[in-house]
N, C-alpha and C. Protein backbone atom coordinates (compact mmCIF):
# COMPACT_ATOMS: atom_id res chain seq x y z
N MET A 1 10.45 5.77 16.04
CA MET A 1 10.13 5.91 14.66
C MET A 1 11.10 4.30 14.62
N THR A 2 10.37 3.57 13.36
CA THR A 2 10.89 2.28 13.17
C THR A 2 11.68 2.82 11.79
N SER A 3 12.93 2.09 12.03
CA SER A 3 13.67 2.57 10.84
C SER A 3 13.70 1.04 9.68
N LEU A 4 13.79 1.94 8.31
CA LEU A 4 13.61 1.20 6.99
C LEU A 4 14.90 1.19 6.64
N LYS A 5 16.13 1.80 6.86
CA LYS A 5 16.86 2.03 6.47
C LYS A 5 18.51 0.57 5.89
N ASP A 6 18.07 -0.35 6.30
CA ASP A 6 18.62 -1.45 5.10
C ASP A 6 17.02 -2.72 4.87
N LYS A 7 16.40 -2.23 4.54
CA LYS A 7 15.56 -2.82 4.15
C LYS A 7 14.94 -2.07 2.36
N VAL A 8 14.54 -3.13 1.80
CA VAL A 8 14.07 -2.59 0.35
C VAL A 8 12.44 -2.98 -0.10
N VAL A 9 12.23 -1.90 -0.35
CA VAL A 9 10.29 -1.93 -0.11
C VAL A 9 9.95 -1.71 -1.87
N ILE A 10 8.71 -2.11 -2.20
CA ILE A 10 8.77 -1.97 -3.31
C ILE A 10 6.35 -1.68 -3.21
N ILE A 11 6.46 -0.34 -3.44
CA ILE A 11 4.99 0.01 -3.63
C ILE A 11 4.76 0.29 -5.18
N THR A 12 2.61 -0.50 -5.05
CA THR A 12 2.78 -0.01 -6.17
C THR A 12 1.01 1.10 -6.30
N GLY A 13 0.76 1.10 -6.98
CA GLY A 13 -0.94 2.01 -7.03
C GLY A 13 -1.04 2.19 -8.37
N ARG A 14 -2.38 2.87 -8.29
CA ARG A 14 -2.90 3.79 -9.88
C ARG A 14 -3.04 4.91 -9.56
N VAL A 15 -2.67 6.05 -8.54
CA VAL A 15 -2.97 6.74 -7.88
C VAL A 15 -1.68 7.63 -7.78
N LYS A 16 -1.14 8.18 -8.19
CA LYS A 16 0.34 9.18 -8.50
C LYS A 16 0.64 9.38 -7.18
N SER A 17 -0.58 10.59 -6.77
CA SER A 17 -0.94 11.29 -5.66
C SER A 17 -0.62 10.57 -4.55
N LYS A 18 -1.51 9.44 -4.34
CA LYS A 18 -1.23 8.06 -3.20
C LYS A 18 0.18 8.00 -2.18
N LEU A 19 0.82 7.70 -3.68
CA LEU A 19 1.80 6.86 -3.74
C LEU A 19 3.12 7.75 -3.40
N ASP A 20 2.99 9.08 -3.85
CA ASP A 20 3.79 10.00 -3.80
C ASP A 20 4.12 10.54 -2.27
N VAL A 21 2.80 10.11 -1.78
CA VAL A 21 2.70 10.81 -0.02
C VAL A 21 3.27 9.33 0.97
N VAL A 22 3.28 8.05 0.43
CA VAL A 22 3.09 6.80 0.81
C VAL A 22 4.83 6.79 0.82
N GLU A 23 5.22 7.13 -0.36
CA GLU A 23 6.84 7.05 -0.59
C GLU A 23 7.52 7.83 0.73
N GLU A 24 6.99 9.00 -0.29
CA GLU A 24 7.50 10.44 1.30
C GLU A 24 7.73 9.88 2.59
N SER A 25 6.60 9.29 3.42
CA SER A 25 6.61 8.70 4.27
C SER A 25 7.88 8.00 4.69
N LEU A 26 7.57 6.80 3.66
CA LEU A 26 9.06 5.74 3.54
C LEU A 26 10.23 6.14 4.01
N LEU A 27 10.33 7.19 3.34
CA LEU A 27 11.49 7.49 3.25
C LEU A 27 11.67 8.43 4.45
N ALA A 28 10.97 9.12 4.87
CA ALA A 28 11.20 10.38 6.31
C ALA A 28 11.30 8.84 7.52
N THR A 29 11.58 7.44 7.28
CA THR A 29 11.75 6.22 8.57
C THR A 29 13.53 5.80 8.23
N GLY A 30 14.01 6.83 6.89
CA GLY A 30 15.21 6.35 6.80
C GLY A 30 15.57 5.23 5.44
N LEU A 31 14.58 4.83 5.32
CA LEU A 31 14.70 4.52 4.08
C LEU A 31 15.32 4.79 3.17
N LYS A 32 16.31 4.25 1.77
CA LYS A 32 17.55 4.36 1.03
C LYS A 32 16.75 4.88 -0.31
N GLN A 33 16.53 6.42 -0.99
CA GLN A 33 15.67 6.06 -2.27
C GLN A 33 16.53 5.37 -3.51
N ASP A 34 17.72 4.78 -3.41
CA ASP A 34 18.00 3.76 -3.66
C ASP A 34 17.29 1.72 -3.76
N ARG A 35 16.54 2.32 -2.47
CA ARG A 35 16.16 0.85 -1.99
C ARG A 35 14.52 0.97 -1.80
N LEU A 36 14.05 1.66 -2.75
CA LEU A 36 12.89 2.01 -2.50
C LEU A 36 12.20 1.98 -4.28
N LEU A 37 11.10 1.09 -4.91
CA LEU A 37 10.91 1.12 -5.72
C LEU A 37 9.27 1.19 -6.04
N VAL A 38 9.15 2.99 -6.50
CA VAL A 38 7.37 2.64 -6.56
C VAL A 38 7.01 2.91 -8.07
N VAL A 39 6.14 2.11 -8.64
CA VAL A 39 5.37 1.84 -9.84
C VAL A 39 3.89 2.45 -9.60
N LEU A 40 3.57 3.09 -10.56
CA LEU A 40 2.79 2.76 -11.58
C LEU A 40 2.08 1.87 -11.81
N CYS A 41 0.61 0.68 -11.35
CA CYS A 41 0.39 -0.36 -11.88
C CYS A 41 -1.00 -0.76 -11.02
N ASP A 42 -1.72 -1.05 -12.10
CA ASP A 42 -2.83 -1.89 -11.88
C ASP A 42 -2.82 -3.56 -11.19
N VAL A 43 -2.45 -4.29 -10.10
CA VAL A 43 -2.21 -5.77 -10.06
C VAL A 43 -3.10 -6.38 -10.22
N THR A 44 -4.49 -5.75 -10.79
CA THR A 44 -5.18 -6.89 -11.38
C THR A 44 -5.23 -6.56 -13.02
N ASP A 45 -4.19 -6.27 -13.21
CA ASP A 45 -3.73 -6.39 -15.14
C ASP A 45 -3.04 -7.05 -14.75
N ASP A 46 -2.51 -9.00 -15.17
CA ASP A 46 -1.67 -9.42 -15.40
C ASP A 46 -0.30 -9.44 -16.52
N ALA A 47 -0.37 -7.36 -17.46
CA ALA A 47 0.75 -7.78 -17.60
C ALA A 47 1.13 -6.72 -17.62
N GLN A 48 0.32 -5.29 -16.63
CA GLN A 48 1.53 -5.08 -15.02
C GLN A 48 1.91 -5.19 -14.29
N LEU A 49 1.41 -6.38 -13.80
CA LEU A 49 1.63 -7.29 -13.10
C LEU A 49 3.25 -8.21 -13.54
N GLN A 50 2.99 -8.69 -14.21
CA GLN A 50 4.30 -9.24 -15.10
C GLN A 50 5.14 -8.50 -14.75
N ASN A 51 4.46 -7.48 -15.62
CA ASN A 51 6.12 -6.23 -16.29
C ASN A 51 7.06 -6.11 -14.38
N LEU A 52 5.84 -6.09 -13.13
CA LEU A 52 5.79 -4.99 -12.37
C LEU A 52 6.89 -6.10 -11.68
N VAL A 53 6.89 -7.29 -11.60
CA VAL A 53 7.44 -8.28 -10.92
C VAL A 53 8.85 -8.85 -11.74
N GLN A 54 8.66 -8.40 -13.12
CA GLN A 54 10.42 -8.56 -14.22
C GLN A 54 11.22 -7.74 -13.72
N ARG A 55 10.38 -6.20 -13.87
CA ARG A 55 10.99 -5.21 -13.11
C ARG A 55 12.05 -5.15 -11.73
N THR A 56 11.21 -6.12 -11.00
CA THR A 56 11.40 -6.10 -8.82
C THR A 56 12.83 -6.81 -9.28
N LEU A 57 12.64 -7.81 -9.81
CA LEU A 57 13.58 -9.35 -10.21
C LEU A 57 14.65 -8.71 -10.93
N GLN A 58 14.46 -7.74 -11.75
CA GLN A 58 15.85 -6.82 -12.48
C GLN A 58 16.38 -6.32 -11.63
N ILE A 59 15.42 -5.23 -10.82
CA ILE A 59 16.54 -3.92 -9.85
C ILE A 59 17.17 -4.93 -8.75
N PHE A 60 16.07 -5.98 -8.21
CA PHE A 60 16.15 -6.14 -6.21
C PHE A 60 17.19 -7.21 -6.60
N GLY A 61 16.66 -8.14 -7.65
CA GLY A 61 17.26 -9.59 -7.69
C GLY A 61 15.80 -10.78 -6.29
N GLN A 62 15.18 -10.26 -6.08
CA GLN A 62 13.98 -10.71 -5.07
C GLN A 62 12.84 -10.26 -4.82
N ILE A 63 11.62 -11.05 -4.46
CA ILE A 63 10.38 -10.10 -3.78
C ILE A 63 10.13 -10.86 -2.44
N ASP A 64 10.25 -10.07 -1.02
CA ASP A 64 9.76 -10.48 -0.07
C ASP A 64 8.74 -10.18 0.03
N SER A 65 8.32 -8.63 -0.32
CA SER A 65 6.67 -7.76 0.66
C SER A 65 6.26 -7.20 -0.78
N SER A 66 5.38 -6.97 -0.16
CA SER A 66 4.80 -6.34 -1.34
C SER A 66 3.30 -5.58 -0.85
N ASP A 67 2.87 -4.18 -1.46
CA ASP A 67 1.59 -3.50 -0.97
C ASP A 67 1.42 -2.60 -1.78
N ASP A 68 -0.51 -2.31 -1.99
CA ASP A 68 -0.87 -1.81 -3.05
C ASP A 68 -1.85 -0.29 -2.01
N PRO A 69 -1.35 0.79 -1.77
CA PRO A 69 -2.40 2.02 -1.03
C PRO A 69 -3.62 2.19 -1.41
N ASP A 70 -3.41 2.06 -2.87
CA ASP A 70 -5.02 2.66 -3.43
C ASP A 70 -5.66 1.55 -3.43
N GLY A 71 -5.71 0.19 -3.20
CA GLY A 71 -6.47 -0.70 -3.45
C GLY A 71 -7.41 -1.54 -4.42
N ALA A 72 -5.80 -1.20 -5.01
CA ALA A 72 -6.75 -2.26 -6.45
C ALA A 72 -7.34 -3.70 -6.96
N LEU A 73 -7.12 -4.04 -5.23
CA LEU A 73 -8.33 -5.51 -5.50
C LEU A 73 -9.29 -5.00 -4.62
N CYS A 74 -9.79 -3.94 -4.31
CA CYS A 74 -10.98 -3.74 -3.48
C CYS A 74 -11.92 -3.41 -5.31
N GLU A 75 -13.52 -3.45 -4.67
CA GLU A 75 -14.62 -3.43 -5.99
C GLU A 75 -14.27 -1.59 -6.54
N LYS A 76 -14.57 -2.31 -7.59
CA LYS A 76 -14.84 -1.63 -8.52
C LYS A 76 -15.64 0.33 -8.61
N TRP A 77 -16.38 0.01 -7.06
CA TRP A 77 -16.27 1.86 -6.44
C TRP A 77 -15.31 2.43 -6.05
N TYR A 78 -13.79 1.77 -5.90
CA TYR A 78 -12.86 2.38 -5.38
C TYR A 78 -12.05 3.12 -6.41
N GLU A 79 -12.02 2.34 -7.68
CA GLU A 79 -11.55 2.67 -8.71
C GLU A 79 -11.10 4.67 -8.96
N ARG A 80 -11.96 5.04 -8.94
CA ARG A 80 -11.97 6.34 -8.92
C ARG A 80 -10.80 7.32 -8.11
N GLY A 81 -10.50 6.62 -7.54
CA GLY A 81 -9.39 6.58 -6.06
C GLY A 81 -9.95 8.60 -5.09
N GLU A 82 -11.12 8.30 -4.93
CA GLU A 82 -11.47 9.33 -3.81
C GLU A 82 -12.70 8.78 -4.14
N ILE A 83 -13.53 9.31 -2.59
CA ILE A 83 -15.13 8.72 -2.65
C ILE A 83 -15.39 10.41 -2.03
N PRO A 84 -16.48 10.53 -2.84
CA PRO A 84 -17.43 12.05 -2.33
C PRO A 84 -17.63 11.74 -0.79
N PRO A 85 -17.02 13.14 -0.10
CA PRO A 85 -17.77 13.44 1.32
C PRO A 85 -19.11 12.81 1.71
N GLU A 86 -19.90 12.91 0.93
CA GLU A 86 -20.95 12.51 1.31
C GLU A 86 -21.38 11.23 0.94
N ASP A 87 -20.98 10.28 0.50
CA ASP A 87 -20.86 8.81 0.55
C ASP A 87 -20.16 8.51 1.28
N GLN A 88 -18.64 9.03 2.46
CA GLN A 88 -18.05 8.91 3.28
C GLN A 88 -18.73 7.82 5.00
N LYS A 89 -19.09 9.16 4.63
CA LYS A 89 -20.55 8.32 6.14
C LYS A 89 -21.33 7.29 6.34
N GLN A 90 -21.54 7.11 4.88
CA GLN A 90 -22.70 5.71 4.64
C GLN A 90 -21.65 4.25 4.22
N LYS A 91 -20.62 4.75 3.33
CA LYS A 91 -20.12 3.81 3.01
C LYS A 91 -18.73 2.94 3.35
N HIS A 92 -18.12 3.84 4.96
CA HIS A 92 -17.24 4.02 5.32
C HIS A 92 -17.34 3.76 7.05
N VAL A 93 -17.17 2.90 7.77
CA VAL A 93 -17.63 2.75 9.09
C VAL A 93 -17.13 3.82 10.21
N LEU A 94 -15.67 4.13 10.08
CA LEU A 94 -15.08 5.18 10.64
C LEU A 94 -15.45 6.70 9.72
N GLY A 95 -16.44 6.71 8.83
CA GLY A 95 -16.60 7.66 8.36
C GLY A 95 -15.77 8.91 7.38
N ARG A 96 -14.87 8.39 7.20
CA ARG A 96 -13.77 8.94 6.18
C ARG A 96 -12.97 8.03 5.34
N VAL A 97 -12.46 7.90 4.28
CA VAL A 97 -11.28 7.14 3.55
C VAL A 97 -10.09 7.53 4.56
N GLY A 98 -9.51 5.94 4.57
CA GLY A 98 -8.23 6.20 4.88
C GLY A 98 -7.08 7.45 3.71
N GLU A 99 -5.87 7.88 4.86
CA GLU A 99 -5.27 8.07 3.87
C GLU A 99 -3.99 7.42 3.63
N PRO A 100 -3.46 7.88 2.68
CA PRO A 100 -1.72 7.13 2.56
C PRO A 100 -1.05 6.56 3.11
N ASP A 101 -1.18 7.88 4.10
CA ASP A 101 0.52 7.90 5.61
C ASP A 101 -0.11 6.71 6.31
N GLU A 102 -1.31 6.30 6.20
CA GLU A 102 -2.16 5.10 7.22
C GLU A 102 -1.98 4.01 6.56
N VAL A 103 -2.08 3.76 5.19
CA VAL A 103 -0.80 2.95 4.65
C VAL A 103 1.05 2.30 4.74
N ALA A 104 1.36 4.22 4.65
CA ALA A 104 2.85 4.31 5.28
C ALA A 104 2.91 3.27 6.39
N LYS A 105 2.51 3.56 7.21
CA LYS A 105 2.87 3.12 8.48
C LYS A 105 2.35 1.93 8.60
N ALA A 106 1.55 1.09 8.40
CA ALA A 106 1.14 -0.16 8.15
C ALA A 106 2.86 -0.72 7.21
N ILE A 107 3.03 -0.44 6.37
CA ILE A 107 3.94 -1.17 5.34
C ILE A 107 5.26 -1.05 6.50
N THR A 108 5.80 0.28 6.88
CA THR A 108 6.55 0.59 7.89
C THR A 108 7.31 -0.57 9.13
N PHE A 109 5.53 -0.84 9.71
CA PHE A 109 5.74 -1.78 10.51
C PHE A 109 5.91 -3.28 9.77
N LEU A 110 5.00 -3.61 9.32
CA LEU A 110 5.50 -4.74 8.83
C LEU A 110 7.17 -5.14 7.88
N ALA A 111 7.33 -3.79 7.35
CA ALA A 111 9.29 -4.36 7.19
C ALA A 111 10.28 -4.25 7.83
N SER A 112 9.58 -3.89 9.15
CA SER A 112 10.87 -3.38 10.14
C SER A 112 10.84 -4.43 11.05
N ASP A 113 11.87 -4.23 11.60
CA ASP A 113 12.10 -5.48 12.55
C ASP A 113 11.58 -5.65 14.08
N GLN A 114 10.38 -4.75 14.18
CA GLN A 114 9.35 -4.97 15.34
C GLN A 114 8.06 -5.84 14.43
N ALA A 115 8.21 -6.43 13.24
CA ALA A 115 7.42 -7.30 12.97
C ALA A 115 8.48 -8.93 12.69
N SER A 116 9.45 -8.83 13.49
CA SER A 116 10.01 -10.27 12.64
C SER A 116 9.54 -11.45 13.15
N PHE A 117 8.27 -11.57 14.05
CA PHE A 117 7.67 -12.35 14.79
C PHE A 117 6.25 -12.71 13.82
N THR A 118 6.02 -12.38 13.10
CA THR A 118 4.86 -11.75 12.16
C THR A 118 5.03 -12.46 11.06
N SER A 119 4.00 -13.09 11.04
CA SER A 119 3.95 -13.91 9.60
C SER A 119 2.40 -14.85 9.67
N GLY A 120 2.80 -15.10 7.78
CA GLY A 120 0.66 -15.48 7.88
C GLY A 120 -0.66 -14.59 8.60
N GLN A 121 0.19 -13.41 8.18
CA GLN A 121 -1.57 -12.72 8.07
C GLN A 121 -1.60 -11.67 7.37
N ILE A 122 -3.05 -11.65 7.55
CA ILE A 122 -3.23 -10.60 6.85
C ILE A 122 -3.46 -8.91 7.90
N LEU A 123 -3.10 -8.34 7.38
CA LEU A 123 -3.21 -7.01 7.45
C LEU A 123 -3.95 -6.32 7.36
N TYR A 124 -5.54 -6.02 7.66
CA TYR A 124 -6.72 -5.26 6.99
C TYR A 124 -6.04 -4.13 7.66
N VAL A 125 -5.78 -2.75 6.11
CA VAL A 125 -5.24 -0.75 6.69
C VAL A 125 -6.52 -0.55 6.10
N GLY A 126 -8.00 -0.06 7.00
CA GLY A 126 -9.31 0.16 6.44
C GLY A 126 -9.64 0.35 8.16
N ASP A 127 -11.33 0.74 7.08
CA ASP A 127 -12.07 0.71 8.71
C ASP A 127 -13.11 -0.18 9.17
N GLY A 128 -12.22 -1.25 8.90
CA GLY A 128 -13.69 -2.26 9.38
C GLY A 128 -14.46 -2.38 7.98
N ARG A 129 -14.49 -1.32 6.94
CA ARG A 129 -15.46 -2.25 5.68
C ARG A 129 -15.71 -3.60 6.21
N HIS A 130 -14.23 -4.01 5.60
CA HIS A 130 -14.64 -5.64 5.10
C HIS A 130 -15.59 -6.46 6.08
N LYS A 131 -15.99 -5.95 7.81
CA LYS A 131 -16.79 -6.60 8.33
C LYS A 131 -17.91 -6.45 8.28
N LYS A 132 -18.23 -5.00 7.52
CA LYS A 132 -19.66 -4.52 8.15
C LYS A 132 -20.15 -4.81 6.31
N PRO A 133 -21.82 -5.56 6.53
CA PRO A 133 -22.39 -5.62 5.54
C PRO A 133 -22.58 -4.14 4.99
N ILE A 134 -22.38 -4.23 2.86
CA ILE A 134 -23.20 -2.74 2.70
C ILE A 134 -24.53 -3.34 2.46
N ILE A 135 -25.48 -2.42 2.71
CA ILE A 135 -26.74 -2.77 2.41
C ILE A 135 -27.50 -1.77 1.27
């Protein structure tokens, strides 16, 4: 398991239950509670985003990486926080919605020393829907 014990991680999202799962997963990797900032925040709202940046800088003094596990930058269809089961097979390539712990695993990798030679990449944590035309 990758350890985050010496890292600082900030996660944002609009769905507290998803943030709680990601937080629990990250703490299980060895990340210390005082080095994790979890913020309910809609990053598409400029005022909330500015508040997040200011709070982060005030607490940690810098920002190195960020993630939004409930996909606030995705289209409005996702804003309800969950997708009805009858829509999942039609709307998702893998036939299901991703789980918050799957996002936590990606965060853990990117924040770890195992990703020390990874830079300038976009990591899509999802089912490939960004590649599938929606009809």
